[in-house]
Amino acid sequence: METYKEDFYCIAVDMGAGSVRVMLGVIDKKGISYRELHRITNQIVEIDGHDRWDMMRITREIRKGISKAIEVSHETPASIGVDSWGVDFVHLDERGELLETPVAYRDSRTEGMQEHWKTIMPEVETFQRSGINFYIFNTLFQLLSLKDSEILSRTSRILFVPRYINYILSGKALNEIKIS
């Protein structure tokens, strides 16, 4: 391993369906180490008849974890990486504000969407074009369930959950081909 002149600190935000945790990683002369600094339980909550992620609470707790990491490392870490489940997204308005609490992939709004999609495009062609398998919770079916909806008409930008956290932390609203 290359000898480092300075220690390198980084933060990992690991968002799962059951918990969200913030880890501090360090690369130094001794190697690579990490430790968990903050963890909260994460659960789906019902709001307005839909299963949703409490994104305000999640982002507040992630910021607490990042503050702890800065305090422990005594400097600003060089990078932050965010990982989460891959199919859920947020709706942003033209000002970049969150339009609603994001709906979770386990919500029932996608019921019947697989069958409906098959009338639009065959499964084989969908897979060839997108590489996705046919799971009821896929983003494709979530978006199809919103076709002609009021929320979609007000949406200026959609960000996947990990990209939304990056946006909150950096101010840059970007999606990537690989979202986790």
N, C-alpha and C. Protein backbone atom coordinates (compact mmCIF):
# COMPACT_ATOMS: atom_id res chain seq x y z
N MET A 1 0.84 -1.19 0.00
CA MET A 1 0.00 0.00 0.00
C MET A 1 0.88 1.24 0.00
N GLU A 2 0.47 2.21 -0.76
CA GLU A 2 1.20 3.47 -0.86
C GLU A 2 1.23 4.17 0.49
N THR A 3 2.33 4.83 0.80
CA THR A 3 2.44 5.58 2.05
C THR A 3 1.75 6.92 1.88
N TYR A 4 0.87 7.26 2.81
CA TYR A 4 0.14 8.51 2.75
C TYR A 4 0.80 9.54 3.64
N LYS A 5 0.91 10.76 3.14
CA LYS A 5 1.48 11.85 3.92
C LYS A 5 0.49 12.35 4.95
N GLU A 6 -0.79 12.30 4.60
CA GLU A 6 -1.85 12.76 5.51
C GLU A 6 -2.92 11.69 5.60
N ASP A 7 -3.61 11.71 6.70
CA ASP A 7 -4.75 10.81 6.84
C ASP A 7 -5.88 11.30 5.95
N PHE A 8 -6.62 10.36 5.37
CA PHE A 8 -7.74 10.66 4.49
C PHE A 8 -9.02 10.23 5.19
N TYR A 9 -9.92 11.19 5.43
CA TYR A 9 -11.18 10.91 6.10
C TYR A 9 -12.31 10.99 5.09
N CYS A 10 -13.24 10.05 5.17
CA CYS A 10 -14.40 10.07 4.30
C CYS A 10 -15.62 9.58 5.08
N ILE A 11 -16.80 9.91 4.57
CA ILE A 11 -18.05 9.55 5.23
C ILE A 11 -18.86 8.67 4.28
N ALA A 12 -19.45 7.62 4.83
CA ALA A 12 -20.37 6.78 4.08
C ALA A 12 -21.74 6.86 4.74
N VAL A 13 -22.74 7.16 3.95
CA VAL A 13 -24.13 7.16 4.41
C VAL A 13 -24.78 5.94 3.80
N ASP A 14 -25.19 5.02 4.64
CA ASP A 14 -25.79 3.75 4.21
C ASP A 14 -27.25 3.75 4.60
N MET A 15 -28.11 3.91 3.61
CA MET A 15 -29.55 3.99 3.84
C MET A 15 -30.20 2.67 3.46
N GLY A 16 -30.80 2.03 4.44
CA GLY A 16 -31.52 0.79 4.18
C GLY A 16 -32.96 0.93 4.60
N ALA A 17 -33.76 -0.06 4.25
CA ALA A 17 -35.18 -0.03 4.61
C ALA A 17 -35.38 -0.10 6.12
N GLY A 18 -34.41 -0.68 6.85
CA GLY A 18 -34.55 -0.84 8.29
C GLY A 18 -33.76 0.15 9.12
N SER A 19 -32.70 0.71 8.54
CA SER A 19 -31.89 1.68 9.27
C SER A 19 -31.13 2.58 8.32
N VAL A 20 -30.71 3.71 8.86
CA VAL A 20 -29.83 4.64 8.16
C VAL A 20 -28.65 4.85 9.08
N ARG A 21 -27.45 4.68 8.54
CA ARG A 21 -26.29 4.88 9.40
C ARG A 21 -25.25 5.73 8.68
N VAL A 22 -24.45 6.40 9.49
CA VAL A 22 -23.37 7.23 9.00
C VAL A 22 -22.07 6.67 9.56
N MET A 23 -21.14 6.40 8.66
CA MET A 23 -19.86 5.81 9.02
C MET A 23 -18.73 6.78 8.69
N LEU A 24 -17.69 6.78 9.51
CA LEU A 24 -16.49 7.54 9.22
C LEU A 24 -15.40 6.57 8.81
N GLY A 25 -14.82 6.77 7.65
CA GLY A 25 -13.73 5.94 7.17
C GLY A 25 -12.43 6.72 7.22
N VAL A 26 -11.34 6.02 7.52
CA VAL A 26 -10.03 6.65 7.58
C VAL A 26 -9.03 5.76 6.85
N ILE A 27 -8.25 6.40 5.98
CA ILE A 27 -7.11 5.73 5.36
C ILE A 27 -5.88 6.43 5.92
N ASP A 28 -5.04 5.65 6.60
CA ASP A 28 -3.82 6.21 7.18
C ASP A 28 -2.68 5.22 7.05
N LYS A 29 -1.60 5.47 7.74
CA LYS A 29 -0.41 4.60 7.66
C LYS A 29 -0.73 3.16 8.06
N LYS A 30 -1.70 2.99 8.93
CA LYS A 30 -2.04 1.66 9.42
C LYS A 30 -2.96 0.89 8.47
N GLY A 31 -3.58 1.58 7.53
CA GLY A 31 -4.50 0.93 6.60
C GLY A 31 -5.84 1.64 6.52
N ILE A 32 -6.88 0.86 6.33
CA ILE A 32 -8.23 1.39 6.21
C ILE A 32 -9.02 0.98 7.44
N SER A 33 -9.71 1.93 8.02
CA SER A 33 -10.59 1.62 9.15
C SER A 33 -11.88 2.41 9.01
N TYR A 34 -12.89 1.96 9.69
CA TYR A 34 -14.16 2.67 9.67
C TYR A 34 -14.89 2.40 10.97
N ARG A 35 -15.80 3.32 11.28
CA ARG A 35 -16.65 3.09 12.45
C ARG A 35 -17.97 3.81 12.27
N GLU A 36 -18.97 3.18 12.83
CA GLU A 36 -20.32 3.74 12.79
C GLU A 36 -20.41 4.85 13.84
N LEU A 37 -20.89 6.01 13.40
CA LEU A 37 -21.02 7.15 14.32
C LEU A 37 -22.46 7.50 14.64
N HIS A 38 -23.37 7.11 13.76
CA HIS A 38 -24.76 7.49 13.98
C HIS A 38 -25.65 6.49 13.26
N ARG A 39 -26.73 6.06 13.92
CA ARG A 39 -27.67 5.12 13.32
C ARG A 39 -29.06 5.47 13.82
N ILE A 40 -30.01 5.40 12.90
CA ILE A 40 -31.42 5.54 13.27
C ILE A 40 -32.19 4.39 12.63
N THR A 41 -33.30 4.06 13.23
CA THR A 41 -34.17 3.11 12.57
C THR A 41 -34.87 3.84 11.43
N ASN A 42 -35.10 3.13 10.37
CA ASN A 42 -35.80 3.69 9.23
C ASN A 42 -37.04 2.82 9.01
N GLN A 43 -38.15 3.46 8.85
CA GLN A 43 -39.36 2.70 8.62
C GLN A 43 -40.29 3.47 7.71
N ILE A 44 -41.10 2.74 7.04
CA ILE A 44 -42.11 3.32 6.18
C ILE A 44 -43.25 3.83 7.07
N VAL A 45 -43.74 5.02 6.76
CA VAL A 45 -44.85 5.60 7.51
C VAL A 45 -46.01 5.85 6.55
N GLU A 46 -47.21 5.74 7.05
CA GLU A 46 -48.37 6.01 6.20
C GLU A 46 -48.76 7.48 6.33
N ILE A 47 -48.80 8.15 5.19
CA ILE A 47 -49.20 9.56 5.12
C ILE A 47 -50.09 9.71 3.90
N ASP A 48 -51.23 10.31 4.06
CA ASP A 48 -52.17 10.54 2.95
C ASP A 48 -52.51 9.27 2.19
N GLY A 49 -52.63 8.14 2.91
CA GLY A 49 -53.04 6.89 2.30
C GLY A 49 -51.95 6.18 1.53
N HIS A 50 -50.70 6.63 1.65
CA HIS A 50 -49.58 5.99 0.95
C HIS A 50 -48.47 5.66 1.93
N ASP A 51 -47.72 4.60 1.61
CA ASP A 51 -46.53 4.25 2.38
C ASP A 51 -45.40 5.16 1.90
N ARG A 52 -44.77 5.87 2.85
CA ARG A 52 -43.77 6.88 2.48
C ARG A 52 -42.53 6.80 3.35
N TRP A 53 -41.46 7.44 2.86
CA TRP A 53 -40.23 7.60 3.63
C TRP A 53 -40.24 8.97 4.28
N ASP A 54 -39.96 9.04 5.55
CA ASP A 54 -39.91 10.32 6.28
C ASP A 54 -38.59 11.01 5.95
N MET A 55 -38.53 11.60 4.76
CA MET A 55 -37.29 12.16 4.24
C MET A 55 -36.78 13.34 5.07
N MET A 56 -37.67 14.10 5.68
CA MET A 56 -37.23 15.22 6.53
C MET A 56 -36.45 14.68 7.73
N ARG A 57 -36.97 13.65 8.36
CA ARG A 57 -36.29 13.03 9.50
C ARG A 57 -34.98 12.40 9.05
N ILE A 58 -35.01 11.69 7.93
CA ILE A 58 -33.82 11.02 7.42
C ILE A 58 -32.71 12.02 7.16
N THR A 59 -33.01 13.10 6.45
CA THR A 59 -31.98 14.09 6.14
C THR A 59 -31.47 14.78 7.41
N ARG A 60 -32.36 15.06 8.34
CA ARG A 60 -31.94 15.68 9.61
C ARG A 60 -30.95 14.77 10.35
N GLU A 61 -31.25 13.48 10.39
CA GLU A 61 -30.38 12.53 11.09
C GLU A 61 -29.06 12.31 10.36
N ILE A 62 -29.08 12.32 9.04
CA ILE A 62 -27.84 12.20 8.28
C ILE A 62 -26.94 13.39 8.58
N ARG A 63 -27.51 14.57 8.64
CA ARG A 63 -26.72 15.76 8.98
C ARG A 63 -26.12 15.65 10.39
N LYS A 64 -26.89 15.10 11.33
CA LYS A 64 -26.33 14.87 12.68
C LYS A 64 -25.13 13.95 12.61
N GLY A 65 -25.26 12.87 11.84
CA GLY A 65 -24.16 11.92 11.70
C GLY A 65 -22.94 12.56 11.07
N ILE A 66 -23.15 13.39 10.06
CA ILE A 66 -22.03 14.07 9.41
C ILE A 66 -21.36 15.03 10.39
N SER A 67 -22.14 15.72 11.18
CA SER A 67 -21.57 16.61 12.21
C SER A 67 -20.71 15.82 13.19
N LYS A 68 -21.19 14.65 13.60
CA LYS A 68 -20.41 13.79 14.49
C LYS A 68 -19.10 13.38 13.83
N ALA A 69 -19.15 13.05 12.54
CA ALA A 69 -17.94 12.63 11.82
C ALA A 69 -16.92 13.76 11.76
N ILE A 70 -17.39 14.96 11.51
CA ILE A 70 -16.47 16.11 11.48
C ILE A 70 -15.87 16.35 12.85
N GLU A 71 -16.68 16.23 13.88
CA GLU A 71 -16.20 16.42 15.25
C GLU A 71 -15.15 15.37 15.61
N VAL A 72 -15.41 14.12 15.28
CA VAL A 72 -14.49 13.03 15.61
C VAL A 72 -13.18 13.14 14.83
N SER A 73 -13.28 13.51 13.56
CA SER A 73 -12.08 13.56 12.71
C SER A 73 -11.30 14.86 12.89
N HIS A 74 -11.89 15.84 13.53
CA HIS A 74 -11.27 17.15 13.76
C HIS A 74 -10.96 17.90 12.47
N GLU A 75 -11.60 17.50 11.39
CA GLU A 75 -11.46 18.20 10.12
C GLU A 75 -12.62 17.81 9.22
N THR A 76 -12.76 18.52 8.15
CA THR A 76 -13.82 18.18 7.21
C THR A 76 -13.38 16.99 6.38
N PRO A 77 -14.14 15.91 6.41
CA PRO A 77 -13.77 14.75 5.58
C PRO A 77 -13.70 15.13 4.10
N ALA A 78 -12.86 14.42 3.36
CA ALA A 78 -12.60 14.74 1.96
C ALA A 78 -13.75 14.36 1.04
N SER A 79 -14.57 13.38 1.44
CA SER A 79 -15.66 12.96 0.56
C SER A 79 -16.79 12.33 1.36
N ILE A 80 -17.96 12.34 0.71
CA ILE A 80 -19.14 11.69 1.29
C ILE A 80 -19.77 10.85 0.19
N GLY A 81 -20.06 9.59 0.51
CA GLY A 81 -20.76 8.71 -0.42
C GLY A 81 -22.09 8.29 0.18
N VAL A 82 -23.12 8.22 -0.66
CA VAL A 82 -24.46 7.87 -0.20
C VAL A 82 -24.94 6.65 -0.98
N ASP A 83 -25.45 5.66 -0.24
CA ASP A 83 -25.97 4.45 -0.85
C ASP A 83 -27.36 4.19 -0.28
N SER A 84 -28.29 3.76 -1.11
CA SER A 84 -29.63 3.44 -0.63
C SER A 84 -30.27 2.42 -1.57
N TRP A 85 -31.51 2.06 -1.22
CA TRP A 85 -32.30 1.22 -2.12
C TRP A 85 -32.46 2.00 -3.42
N GLY A 86 -32.69 1.30 -4.52
CA GLY A 86 -32.54 1.95 -5.81
C GLY A 86 -33.77 2.38 -6.58
N VAL A 87 -34.96 2.14 -6.14
CA VAL A 87 -36.11 2.38 -7.02
C VAL A 87 -36.93 3.61 -6.66
N ASP A 88 -36.76 4.16 -5.48
CA ASP A 88 -37.60 5.28 -5.05
C ASP A 88 -36.98 6.62 -5.42
N PHE A 89 -37.83 7.61 -5.52
CA PHE A 89 -37.41 8.92 -6.00
C PHE A 89 -38.22 10.01 -5.31
N VAL A 90 -37.73 11.24 -5.49
CA VAL A 90 -38.44 12.40 -4.96
C VAL A 90 -38.84 13.30 -6.12
N HIS A 91 -39.89 14.07 -5.89
CA HIS A 91 -40.36 15.06 -6.85
C HIS A 91 -39.91 16.43 -6.37
N LEU A 92 -39.25 17.20 -7.26
CA LEU A 92 -38.85 18.56 -6.94
C LEU A 92 -39.58 19.54 -7.85
N ASP A 93 -39.91 20.70 -7.30
CA ASP A 93 -40.54 21.74 -8.11
C ASP A 93 -39.47 22.55 -8.83
N GLU A 94 -39.87 23.60 -9.53
CA GLU A 94 -38.93 24.40 -10.32
C GLU A 94 -37.90 25.13 -9.46
N ARG A 95 -38.18 25.30 -8.17
CA ARG A 95 -37.22 25.92 -7.24
C ARG A 95 -36.31 24.89 -6.57
N GLY A 96 -36.53 23.62 -6.87
CA GLY A 96 -35.72 22.56 -6.26
C GLY A 96 -36.24 22.13 -4.91
N GLU A 97 -37.48 22.50 -4.59
CA GLU A 97 -38.08 22.13 -3.31
C GLU A 97 -38.83 20.80 -3.44
N LEU A 98 -38.79 20.03 -2.35
CA LEU A 98 -39.50 18.76 -2.29
C LEU A 98 -41.01 19.01 -2.36
N LEU A 99 -41.69 18.35 -3.29
CA LEU A 99 -43.12 18.54 -3.47
C LEU A 99 -43.97 17.71 -2.52
N GLU A 100 -43.49 16.53 -2.16
CA GLU A 100 -44.23 15.67 -1.25
C GLU A 100 -43.27 14.70 -0.58
N THR A 101 -43.71 14.12 0.51
CA THR A 101 -42.94 13.07 1.15
C THR A 101 -42.89 11.88 0.19
N PRO A 102 -41.70 11.39 -0.15
CA PRO A 102 -41.62 10.35 -1.20
C PRO A 102 -42.32 9.05 -0.83
N VAL A 103 -42.98 8.50 -1.82
CA VAL A 103 -43.70 7.23 -1.67
C VAL A 103 -42.68 6.09 -1.71
N ALA A 104 -42.86 5.11 -0.84
CA ALA A 104 -41.95 3.96 -0.74
C ALA A 104 -42.31 2.88 -1.75
N TYR A 105 -41.32 2.12 -2.13
CA TYR A 105 -41.50 1.07 -3.13
C TYR A 105 -42.51 0.01 -2.71
N ARG A 106 -42.80 -0.10 -1.44
CA ARG A 106 -43.76 -1.10 -0.97
C ARG A 106 -45.21 -0.61 -1.04
N ASP A 107 -45.42 0.61 -1.47
CA ASP A 107 -46.77 1.17 -1.55
C ASP A 107 -47.59 0.42 -2.61
N SER A 108 -48.89 0.42 -2.42
CA SER A 108 -49.79 -0.33 -3.32
C SER A 108 -50.08 0.38 -4.63
N ARG A 109 -49.54 1.58 -4.85
CA ARG A 109 -49.88 2.31 -6.07
C ARG A 109 -49.44 1.61 -7.35
N THR A 110 -48.54 0.65 -7.24
CA THR A 110 -48.07 -0.05 -8.44
C THR A 110 -48.88 -1.30 -8.78
N GLU A 111 -49.88 -1.60 -7.96
CA GLU A 111 -50.70 -2.78 -8.25
C GLU A 111 -51.36 -2.62 -9.63
N GLY A 112 -51.22 -3.64 -10.45
CA GLY A 112 -51.79 -3.64 -11.79
C GLY A 112 -50.92 -2.97 -12.84
N MET A 113 -49.84 -2.34 -12.43
CA MET A 113 -49.00 -1.61 -13.39
C MET A 113 -48.18 -2.54 -14.28
N GLN A 114 -47.76 -3.71 -13.75
CA GLN A 114 -47.03 -4.66 -14.58
C GLN A 114 -47.89 -5.09 -15.76
N GLU A 115 -49.12 -5.44 -15.45
CA GLU A 115 -50.04 -5.90 -16.50
C GLU A 115 -50.33 -4.77 -17.49
N HIS A 116 -50.50 -3.57 -16.98
CA HIS A 116 -50.75 -2.42 -17.85
C HIS A 116 -49.55 -2.17 -18.76
N TRP A 117 -48.35 -2.25 -18.21
CA TRP A 117 -47.15 -2.00 -19.00
C TRP A 117 -47.03 -3.01 -20.15
N LYS A 118 -47.41 -4.23 -19.91
CA LYS A 118 -47.30 -5.26 -20.95
C LYS A 118 -48.15 -4.92 -22.17
N THR A 119 -49.18 -4.07 -22.01
CA THR A 119 -49.98 -3.63 -23.15
C THR A 119 -49.26 -2.52 -23.93
N ILE A 120 -48.23 -1.94 -23.31
CA ILE A 120 -47.45 -0.87 -23.95
C ILE A 120 -46.21 -1.43 -24.63
N MET A 121 -45.53 -2.35 -23.92
CA MET A 121 -44.29 -2.92 -24.44
C MET A 121 -44.10 -4.32 -23.86
N PRO A 122 -43.70 -5.28 -24.67
CA PRO A 122 -43.48 -6.63 -24.16
C PRO A 122 -42.32 -6.66 -23.14
N GLU A 123 -42.37 -7.63 -22.22
CA GLU A 123 -41.33 -7.77 -21.19
C GLU A 123 -39.94 -7.90 -21.81
N VAL A 124 -39.83 -8.70 -22.88
CA VAL A 124 -38.52 -8.93 -23.50
C VAL A 124 -37.94 -7.62 -24.02
N GLU A 125 -38.74 -6.83 -24.69
CA GLU A 125 -38.26 -5.55 -25.22
C GLU A 125 -37.92 -4.58 -24.08
N THR A 126 -38.74 -4.59 -23.04
CA THR A 126 -38.45 -3.74 -21.88
C THR A 126 -37.10 -4.11 -21.29
N PHE A 127 -36.86 -5.39 -21.13
CA PHE A 127 -35.58 -5.84 -20.58
C PHE A 127 -34.43 -5.48 -21.51
N GLN A 128 -34.60 -5.65 -22.81
CA GLN A 128 -33.54 -5.33 -23.77
C GLN A 128 -33.20 -3.84 -23.72
N ARG A 129 -34.19 -3.00 -23.55
CA ARG A 129 -33.96 -1.56 -23.53
C ARG A 129 -33.44 -1.05 -22.18
N SER A 130 -33.91 -1.65 -21.11
CA SER A 130 -33.61 -1.09 -19.79
C SER A 130 -32.74 -1.97 -18.89
N GLY A 131 -32.74 -3.26 -19.12
CA GLY A 131 -31.99 -4.17 -18.27
C GLY A 131 -32.67 -4.47 -16.94
N ILE A 132 -33.91 -4.01 -16.77
CA ILE A 132 -34.60 -4.25 -15.50
C ILE A 132 -35.43 -5.53 -15.57
N ASN A 133 -35.55 -6.17 -14.44
CA ASN A 133 -36.46 -7.30 -14.32
C ASN A 133 -37.84 -6.77 -13.95
N PHE A 134 -38.82 -7.62 -14.04
CA PHE A 134 -40.19 -7.20 -13.79
C PHE A 134 -40.58 -7.41 -12.34
N TYR A 135 -40.26 -6.45 -11.50
CA TYR A 135 -40.68 -6.45 -10.11
C TYR A 135 -41.71 -5.36 -9.92
N ILE A 136 -42.74 -5.62 -9.16
CA ILE A 136 -43.86 -4.71 -8.97
C ILE A 136 -43.43 -3.34 -8.46
N PHE A 137 -42.30 -3.27 -7.75
CA PHE A 137 -41.87 -2.02 -7.13
C PHE A 137 -40.92 -1.19 -8.00
N ASN A 138 -40.60 -1.64 -9.21
CA ASN A 138 -39.66 -0.91 -10.07
C ASN A 138 -40.11 0.53 -10.31
N THR A 139 -39.13 1.38 -10.52
CA THR A 139 -39.39 2.79 -10.82
C THR A 139 -40.32 2.92 -12.03
N LEU A 140 -40.13 2.08 -13.02
CA LEU A 140 -40.98 2.11 -14.21
C LEU A 140 -42.45 2.04 -13.84
N PHE A 141 -42.80 1.11 -12.96
CA PHE A 141 -44.20 0.94 -12.58
C PHE A 141 -44.66 2.05 -11.64
N GLN A 142 -43.76 2.57 -10.83
CA GLN A 142 -44.12 3.71 -9.98
C GLN A 142 -44.46 4.92 -10.86
N LEU A 143 -43.62 5.18 -11.85
CA LEU A 143 -43.88 6.31 -12.75
C LEU A 143 -45.14 6.09 -13.58
N LEU A 144 -45.35 4.87 -14.04
CA LEU A 144 -46.56 4.57 -14.81
C LEU A 144 -47.81 4.83 -13.97
N SER A 145 -47.74 4.53 -12.69
CA SER A 145 -48.89 4.76 -11.80
C SER A 145 -49.19 6.25 -11.64
N LEU A 146 -48.22 7.08 -11.96
CA LEU A 146 -48.39 8.54 -11.82
C LEU A 146 -48.78 9.24 -13.12
N LYS A 147 -48.87 8.49 -14.20
CA LYS A 147 -49.19 9.09 -15.49
C LYS A 147 -50.45 9.95 -15.36
N ASP A 148 -50.37 11.17 -15.88
CA ASP A 148 -51.47 12.14 -15.86
C ASP A 148 -51.86 12.59 -14.44
N SER A 149 -50.97 12.41 -13.46
CA SER A 149 -51.29 12.80 -12.08
C SER A 149 -50.97 14.28 -11.84
N GLU A 150 -51.58 14.82 -10.83
CA GLU A 150 -51.35 16.21 -10.44
C GLU A 150 -49.91 16.39 -9.96
N ILE A 151 -49.38 15.46 -9.18
CA ILE A 151 -48.02 15.59 -8.66
C ILE A 151 -47.00 15.59 -9.79
N LEU A 152 -47.19 14.74 -10.78
CA LEU A 152 -46.26 14.69 -11.90
C LEU A 152 -46.33 15.97 -12.73
N SER A 153 -47.51 16.55 -12.85
CA SER A 153 -47.64 17.79 -13.61
C SER A 153 -46.92 18.96 -12.92
N ARG A 154 -46.75 18.89 -11.60
CA ARG A 154 -46.05 19.94 -10.84
C ARG A 154 -44.56 19.67 -10.70
N THR A 155 -44.12 18.48 -11.13
CA THR A 155 -42.73 18.07 -10.96
C THR A 155 -41.84 18.65 -12.05
N SER A 156 -40.80 19.32 -11.61
CA SER A 156 -39.81 19.85 -12.54
C SER A 156 -38.63 18.90 -12.70
N ARG A 157 -38.32 18.16 -11.62
CA ARG A 157 -37.18 17.25 -11.64
C ARG A 157 -37.47 16.08 -10.70
N ILE A 158 -37.00 14.92 -11.09
CA ILE A 158 -37.07 13.73 -10.24
C ILE A 158 -35.64 13.33 -9.91
N LEU A 159 -35.39 13.08 -8.63
CA LEU A 159 -34.09 12.58 -8.20
C LEU A 159 -34.30 11.27 -7.46
N PHE A 160 -33.43 10.29 -7.71
CA PHE A 160 -33.46 9.07 -6.93
C PHE A 160 -33.00 9.40 -5.51
N VAL A 161 -33.41 8.59 -4.55
CA VAL A 161 -33.18 8.88 -3.13
C VAL A 161 -31.71 9.20 -2.81
N PRO A 162 -30.72 8.39 -3.22
CA PRO A 162 -29.35 8.77 -2.85
C PRO A 162 -28.90 10.07 -3.49
N ARG A 163 -29.39 10.36 -4.68
CA ARG A 163 -29.04 11.62 -5.34
C ARG A 163 -29.72 12.80 -4.66
N TYR A 164 -30.90 12.56 -4.10
CA TYR A 164 -31.56 13.62 -3.35
C TYR A 164 -30.75 13.98 -2.10
N ILE A 165 -30.24 12.98 -1.41
CA ILE A 165 -29.40 13.26 -0.24
C ILE A 165 -28.15 14.04 -0.68
N ASN A 166 -27.54 13.64 -1.78
CA ASN A 166 -26.39 14.40 -2.30
C ASN A 166 -26.79 15.84 -2.61
N TYR A 167 -27.97 16.02 -3.18
CA TYR A 167 -28.47 17.37 -3.49
C TYR A 167 -28.63 18.20 -2.22
N ILE A 168 -29.20 17.61 -1.19
CA ILE A 168 -29.39 18.31 0.08
C ILE A 168 -28.03 18.72 0.65
N LEU A 169 -27.04 17.86 0.50
CA LEU A 169 -25.72 18.13 1.06
C LEU A 169 -24.88 19.06 0.20
N SER A 170 -25.06 19.01 -1.11
CA SER A 170 -24.17 19.77 -2.01
C SER A 170 -24.85 20.91 -2.77
N GLY A 171 -26.17 20.85 -2.91
CA GLY A 171 -26.86 21.85 -3.71
C GLY A 171 -26.89 21.51 -5.20
N LYS A 172 -26.33 20.36 -5.58
CA LYS A 172 -26.29 19.96 -6.98
C LYS A 172 -27.27 18.83 -7.23
N ALA A 173 -28.26 19.10 -8.07
CA ALA A 173 -29.32 18.11 -8.36
C ALA A 173 -28.96 17.34 -9.62
N LEU A 174 -28.34 16.18 -9.41
CA LEU A 174 -27.90 15.35 -10.54
C LEU A 174 -28.29 13.89 -10.31
N ASN A 175 -28.74 13.24 -11.37
CA ASN A 175 -28.91 11.79 -11.36
C ASN A 175 -27.76 11.18 -12.12
N GLU A 176 -27.51 9.93 -11.88
CA GLU A 176 -26.45 9.21 -12.58
C GLU A 176 -27.05 7.93 -13.14
N ILE A 177 -26.36 7.35 -14.10
CA ILE A 177 -26.82 6.07 -14.65
C ILE A 177 -26.82 5.03 -13.56
N LYS A 178 -25.76 4.99 -12.77
CA LYS A 178 -25.66 4.06 -11.64
C LYS A 178 -26.04 4.86 -10.40
N ILE A 179 -27.13 4.46 -9.75
CA ILE A 179 -27.66 5.31 -8.69
C ILE A 179 -27.29 4.89 -7.29
N SER A 180 -26.67 3.75 -7.08
CA SER A 180 -26.35 3.38 -5.70
C SER A 180 -24.86 3.32 -5.48
